Structure formats: C-alpha cells, structure tokens
Amino acid sequence: MQIVAVSTPGQRQLDIDSDGMIVDEHYTRYPTPYIIRQFGPTGKVVALTFDDGPDPKYTPRILQILRDNGVNGTFFVIGNRAAQYRGLFAKRGRKAMTSATIPSLTRISR
C-alpha cells in the first residue's frame, strides 16, 4: 500500500450581512481525500486474525493447520501473555506483534 496524497482541509468564505446573517458561502479551497494505491492480489482475499493470545493449547495447533495448508494468519497477542509464552512463535520462525495488556472491560468503572 502506498499513500499517494494526504488529505487536506477545505476552506470556506462566508459573506455576512449587517445583521450578522450568512448571505453567501463558497469554498476558496476544496477539501481533498487521502489517495491510497494498493498493491497485491486483485481477487477475493480473506484475512485470518487471531486475537488475545498466545494460548499454549490452541496457538500451536492453529499454527500447524495454517502451515499444513500454506495459509498465513495474523496474531494479535497480549503483552503479558506473549512474555509468558514467548516461545510459541519464536520456535516456529513466526513474528508476532505485541500489544499492551488489555484490561477486562467488565472491571472498568465509569
């Protein structure tokens, strides 16, 4: 993926009469969107993601199934679990991205 152009804000000119009422509005500069060029497969693609691991029981099984079928997966792991089970990805030559510890939403007060 390549960002070709970043978005820019527009700018408007307001004409106001002596009573403070807007009588005309026009853009002096139009806003522009991001322009992103995408590379890669053009057919139907599915992204497999696995969250909140690693899990010593399921992660090795999932990795083996993916390997056996030549499929990639993305694992989003929790920091303290990644530290506890750091060998689950390293010994398989896989890379994992680690997030901070995720608090339980049921225990957060308003």
C-alpha atoms as a PDB file:
ATOM      1  CA  MET A   1       0.000   0.000   0.000  1.00  0.00           C
ATOM      2  CA  GLN A   2       1.286   3.457  -0.848  1.00  0.00           C
ATOM      3  CA  ILE A   3      -0.080   6.823   0.242  1.00  0.00           C
ATOM      4  CA  VAL A   4      -0.027   8.969  -2.892  1.00  0.00           C
ATOM      5  CA  ALA A   5      -1.559  12.087  -1.315  1.00  0.00           C
ATOM      6  CA  VAL A   6      -2.675  13.033   2.182  1.00  0.00           C
ATOM      7  CA  SER A   7      -5.994  14.671   2.923  1.00  0.00           C
ATOM      8  CA  THR A   8      -6.145  18.429   3.218  1.00  0.00           C
ATOM      9  CA  PRO A   9      -8.878  20.505   4.826  1.00  0.00           C
ATOM     10  CA  GLY A  10     -11.011  22.806   2.737  1.00  0.00           C
ATOM     11  CA  GLN A  11     -11.557  26.487   3.374  1.00  0.00           C
ATOM     12  CA  ARG A  12     -14.850  28.379   3.090  1.00  0.00           C
ATOM     13  CA  GLN A  13     -15.593  32.051   2.674  1.00  0.00           C
ATOM     14  CA  LEU A  14     -18.745  33.278   4.432  1.00  0.00           C
ATOM     15  CA  ASP A  15     -20.356  36.579   3.476  1.00  0.00           C
ATOM     16  CA  ILE A  16     -22.282  38.079   6.373  1.00  0.00           C
ATOM     17  CA  ASP A  17     -24.744  40.966   6.158  1.00  0.00           C
ATOM     18  CA  SER A  18     -25.053  43.854   8.602  1.00  0.00           C
ATOM     19  CA  ASP A  19     -27.497  41.819  10.753  1.00  0.00           C
ATOM     20  CA  GLY A  20     -24.918  39.027  11.196  1.00  0.00           C
ATOM     21  CA  MET A  21     -26.747  36.646   8.863  1.00  0.00           C
ATOM     22  CA  ILE A  22     -24.868  34.479   6.379  1.00  0.00           C
ATOM     23  CA  VAL A  23     -25.886  35.547   2.897  1.00  0.00           C
ATOM     24  CA  ASP A  24     -23.386  33.567   0.839  1.00  0.00           C
ATOM     25  CA  GLU A  25     -20.911  30.768   1.239  1.00  0.00           C
ATOM     26  CA  HIS A  26     -18.314  29.377  -1.131  1.00  0.00           C
ATOM     27  CA  TYR A  27     -15.169  27.312  -0.974  1.00  0.00           C
ATOM     28  CA  THR A  28     -11.884  29.074  -1.551  1.00  0.00           C
ATOM     29  CA  ARG A  29     -10.161  25.686  -1.329  1.00  0.00           C
ATOM     30  CA  TYR A  30     -11.889  22.315  -1.639  1.00  0.00           C
ATOM     31  CA  PRO A  31     -11.019  19.558   0.836  1.00  0.00           C
ATOM     32  CA  THR A  32      -9.139  16.593  -0.611  1.00  0.00           C
ATOM     33  CA  PRO A  33      -9.178  12.939   0.497  1.00  0.00           C
ATOM     34  CA  TYR A  34      -6.305  10.577   1.079  1.00  0.00           C
ATOM     35  CA  ILE A  35      -5.289   8.844  -2.125  1.00  0.00           C
ATOM     36  CA  ILE A  36      -4.025   5.337  -1.460  1.00  0.00           C
ATOM     37  CA  ARG A  37      -2.633   2.974  -4.058  1.00  0.00           C
ATOM     38  CA  GLN A  38      -2.999  -0.687  -3.205  1.00  0.00           C
ATOM     39  CA  PHE A  39      -0.723  -3.424  -4.473  1.00  0.00           C
ATOM     40  CA  GLY A  40      -1.115  -7.179  -4.270  1.00  0.00           C
ATOM     41  CA  PRO A  41      -3.780  -9.706  -5.124  1.00  0.00           C
ATOM     42  CA  THR A  42      -6.775  -8.410  -7.017  1.00  0.00           C
ATOM     43  CA  GLY A  43      -9.030 -11.433  -6.448  1.00  0.00           C
ATOM     44  CA  LYS A  44     -11.038 -12.304  -3.396  1.00  0.00           C
ATOM     45  CA  VAL A  45      -8.877 -12.322  -0.276  1.00  0.00           C
ATOM     46  CA  VAL A  46      -9.645 -13.282   3.313  1.00  0.00           C
ATOM     47  CA  ALA A  47      -7.570 -12.108   6.266  1.00  0.00           C
ATOM     48  CA  LEU A  48      -7.418 -14.542   9.180  1.00  0.00           C
ATOM     49  CA  THR A  49      -6.768 -12.866  12.509  1.00  0.00           C
ATOM     50  CA  PHE A  50      -6.369 -14.403  15.927  1.00  0.00           C
ATOM     51  CA  ASP A  51      -6.706 -12.139  18.957  1.00  0.00           C
ATOM     52  CA  ASP A  52      -5.776 -12.180  22.644  1.00  0.00           C
ATOM     53  CA  GLY A  53      -3.186 -14.957  22.589  1.00  0.00           C
ATOM     54  CA  PRO A  54      -0.968 -16.728  22.568  1.00  0.00           C
ATOM     55  CA  ASP A  55      -2.599 -19.742  24.131  1.00  0.00           C
ATOM     56  CA  PRO A  56      -0.368 -22.753  24.892  1.00  0.00           C
ATOM     57  CA  LYS A  57      -3.122 -25.214  23.927  1.00  0.00           C
ATOM     58  CA  TYR A  58      -4.574 -23.655  20.783  1.00  0.00           C
ATOM     59  CA  THR A  59      -1.833 -21.478  19.237  1.00  0.00           C
ATOM     60  CA  PRO A  60       0.465 -24.399  18.265  1.00  0.00           C
ATOM     61  CA  ARG A  61      -2.492 -26.262  16.737  1.00  0.00           C
ATOM     62  CA  ILE A  62      -3.585 -23.188  14.760  1.00  0.00           C
ATOM     63  CA  LEU A  63      -0.035 -22.568  13.532  1.00  0.00           C
ATOM     64  CA  GLN A  64       0.244 -26.195  12.369  1.00  0.00           C
ATOM     65  CA  ILE A  65      -3.074 -26.047  10.497  1.00  0.00           C
ATOM     66  CA  LEU A  66      -2.027 -22.812   8.792  1.00  0.00           C
ATOM     67  CA  ARG A  67       1.372 -24.272   7.869  1.00  0.00           C
ATOM     68  CA  ASP A  68      -0.137 -27.524   6.551  1.00  0.00           C
ATOM     69  CA  ASN A  69      -2.458 -25.557   4.283  1.00  0.00           C
ATOM     70  CA  GLY A  70       0.006 -22.876   3.167  1.00  0.00           C
ATOM     71  CA  VAL A  71      -2.121 -20.160   4.733  1.00  0.00           C
ATOM     72  CA  ASN A  72      -0.971 -17.020   6.527  1.00  0.00           C
ATOM     73  CA  GLY A  73      -2.574 -15.690   9.669  1.00  0.00           C
ATOM     74  CA  THR A  74      -2.121 -12.576  11.759  1.00  0.00           C
ATOM     75  CA  PHE A  75      -1.840 -12.950  15.517  1.00  0.00           C
ATOM     76  CA  PHE A  76      -2.570 -10.023  17.803  1.00  0.00           C
ATOM     77  CA  VAL A  77      -1.094 -11.005  21.130  1.00  0.00           C
ATOM     78  CA  ILE A  78      -1.397  -9.527  24.594  1.00  0.00           C
ATOM     79  CA  GLY A  79       1.869  -8.332  26.133  1.00  0.00           C
ATOM     80  CA  ASN A  80       1.805 -10.293  29.374  1.00  0.00           C
ATOM     81  CA  ARG A  81       0.702 -13.485  27.570  1.00  0.00           C
ATOM     82  CA  ALA A  82       3.381 -13.016  24.922  1.00  0.00           C
ATOM     83  CA  ALA A  83       6.005 -12.718  27.648  1.00  0.00           C
ATOM     84  CA  GLN A  84       4.643 -15.794  29.428  1.00  0.00           C
ATOM     85  CA  TYR A  85       4.539 -17.929  26.245  1.00  0.00           C
ATOM     86  CA  ARG A  86       7.217 -16.232  24.144  1.00  0.00           C
ATOM     87  CA  GLY A  87       8.478 -19.478  22.640  1.00  0.00           C
ATOM     88  CA  LEU A  88       5.209 -20.278  20.858  1.00  0.00           C
ATOM     89  CA  PHE A  89       6.030 -18.016  17.929  1.00  0.00           C
ATOM     90  CA  ALA A  90       9.812 -17.819  18.085  1.00  0.00           C
ATOM     91  CA  LYS A  91      10.498 -21.530  17.670  1.00  0.00           C
ATOM     92  CA  ARG A  92       8.289 -21.642  14.590  1.00  0.00           C
ATOM     93  CA  GLY A  93      10.042 -18.782  12.842  1.00  0.00           C
ATOM     94  CA  ARG A  94       6.930 -16.617  13.079  1.00  0.00           C
ATOM     95  CA  LYS A  95       6.724 -12.987  14.002  1.00  0.00           C
ATOM     96  CA  ALA A  96       4.129 -11.632  16.394  1.00  0.00           C
ATOM     97  CA  MET A  97       3.074  -8.111  17.225  1.00  0.00           C
ATOM     98  CA  THR A  98       2.575  -7.438  20.901  1.00  0.00           C
ATOM     99  CA  SER A  99       0.027  -5.063  22.362  1.00  0.00           C
ATOM    100  CA  ALA A 100      -0.176  -3.682  25.846  1.00  0.00           C
ATOM    101  CA  THR A 101      -2.131  -5.622  28.404  1.00  0.00           C
ATOM    102  CA  ILE A 102      -5.836  -5.259  27.654  1.00  0.00           C
ATOM    103  CA  PRO A 103      -7.970  -4.586  30.721  1.00  0.00           C
ATOM    104  CA  SER A 104     -11.170  -6.504  31.275  1.00  0.00           C
ATOM    105  CA  LEU A 105     -13.991  -4.173  30.281  1.00  0.00           C
ATOM    106  CA  THR A 106     -16.216  -5.776  32.921  1.00  0.00           C
ATOM    107  CA  ARG A 107     -13.919  -4.457  35.655  1.00  0.00           C
ATOM    108  CA  ILE A 108     -13.582  -0.869  34.467  1.00  0.00           C
ATOM    109  CA  SER A 109     -15.651   1.670  36.398  1.00  0.00           C
ATOM    110  CA  ARG A 110     -17.356   4.503  34.608  1.00  0.00           C
END
